[in-house]
Amino acid sequence: MSDPDESADRPASAREVLADREYRAVFTASALSWFGDSTARAAIIALVYLRTESPIASAAAFAISYLPWLGIGAVLSAITERHSYRKIMILSDLIRLGIMTALAVFGGLPVAALIGLLFISALLSPPFDSARSALLPRILQGERYVTALTMQRTAGQFALILGYAAGAALTAVDARYALLLNAASFGVSALLIAVRVKERTPSLTADKRTNLMRETVEGYTVVFRSPVMRSIALVVFCGVCYGVVPEGLAAAWSADLAGGPNAVYLGTIMVAAAVGFVAGSIVMTWLVKPQRRNAYIRPFALITPLALVPALFDLNIYGVVAMTLISGAALSGTLPVTNSLFVQVLPPAYRARAFGVMQSGVHLVQGGAILFTGWLASHYPLPQVVGYFAIAGVVVMAVIVATWPAQATIADAIAANKVRVAADEHSTTPGSNEDFGEVTIDLGRAPLPTRRPRPTPGPAQRRVPATEPAEHTVDLTERTTELGALPPRSLSHGRGIVDG
């Protein structure tokens, strides 16, 4: 696993990343799935509303896609760790293809059955997303991985906008066309992954498995016991909690600004959130040198809620758009950096589970923030709700960034993970039965000067040779325990792994 901060002096270009055949397949498959999902979501909301004329039913159809992330998503991610990421992605796509086709063909199903099928389809998002997140570091490393993350997020935002527009247009003709389009996107996605992505062994091999619930808990343990990963998780969770507010309250905020429902204001706020997100990712990835990115994590994290504080002054649409742009850009500016750092300190055997924990947390925090601020806005003036909520965010984020690990702690965590990765690779090498032995980590330090040979002394000068000092060995045992990167039981698996 390469370290972008140490091994690269410039960002990787999109052309370099897309030159990888496997990544092109994953990127195209993801973009198609996101576009199809957005198209189908717009159509399903309209279809359910036409059938029931109930806002609650249509809202439930929209929100059902987030439900699996509120608990069961972590279990599904643990299942993903046991199997081939490639096969998990293909199977998830094929099942969703069948469900969307059934929804399109049997459009007259009862609403309860319709929502039930949507829930089954939504259950496949956690394993697919976790498998993709865990597969990417195996395909791309270093700066190419950071650039790939930005491309994924940018494509996701554009797919969201275009998908909603296409879904609304197709619904005006027939909502089933949007569902068939989504089914086709899943089919193409499965085909691309099957043809272009290589098969790889599961990260959690049979000899390291315990039981599913224990492995699920270990996903949380590996994230929150490590000071570095815990700090990353807190920054990300707090950031999305406040960064999502303008988008989540866009409908109410636009109506408040215009004195009634206003599609132009609504669209402007929604687009501002997407544009800010894309702009921040691009600036941090391609305009900031890799060696400088970590220094921007803490200030950008503070700017995310701080940019929304001026809402207290009851700004007009231009002020709201400006705040949304700045907050979204600051939030997205931290995500590629923290994601890259997260991968560098995360043991490979925990990737799907750890990413599942992070994705579950993001969905839970975003949904909770939108519901909470929406409830407050129904009792108090919306600008005051946003402004005071943002002030609370500044205080919370200030506490989080004040406890951000020192650079030496981060470097130690990366080095300890390199030891584990090297040990795992050695232990899984065919025909390798010997102990792993000592691990040498090149941290880029200047080598010691070569010692000059001493002249051979004459008989009168001969002395009893002094004992040569033993080679100084740094024991990472205690340090690894201090970092808390692995649950205690998991360290006992395999041969030659540094034991905590």
Foldseek 3Di string as FASTA:
>chain_A
DDAQLPPDFAFDDPVVLCVQQLLVLQLLLLLLLLLLVLLLLLLQLVLQCVVPVDNVLSVLLNCLLLVCLQPVLLLLLLVLLAFWLLVLQLVLLLLLLVLLLCCLVPVVDPSVVNSVSSNVNSNSVSSNVLSSQLCLCVRDAHSSSLVSVLSSLLSSLVSNVNSNVNNVVVSVVPNSVSSNSSSVSSVSSSVSSVPRPDTDHRLQYPLLDDDSVVSSVQLVQLQCLFLQSVLLLLLLLLLLLLLCQQLLCLQVLQCVQVVGGDPVLSVLSNVLLSQLQSVLSCCLSHVDTSNCLVVLQLVLSLLLLVLLQVLLVVDHSVSSSVSSSSNSSSSNNNVSVSSNLNVLLAASSNRSSNVSNSVSSSSVSNVVSSVVLVVVVVPDPSSVSSNVVSVVSSVSSVVSSVSNDDPVLSVLSSQLSVQQVVQVVQQPPPPRDDAPPDDDDCPPDDDDDDDDDDDDDDPVPDDDDDDDDDDDDDQCQVVVVSSSNGDQVSQPPTGHRRHD
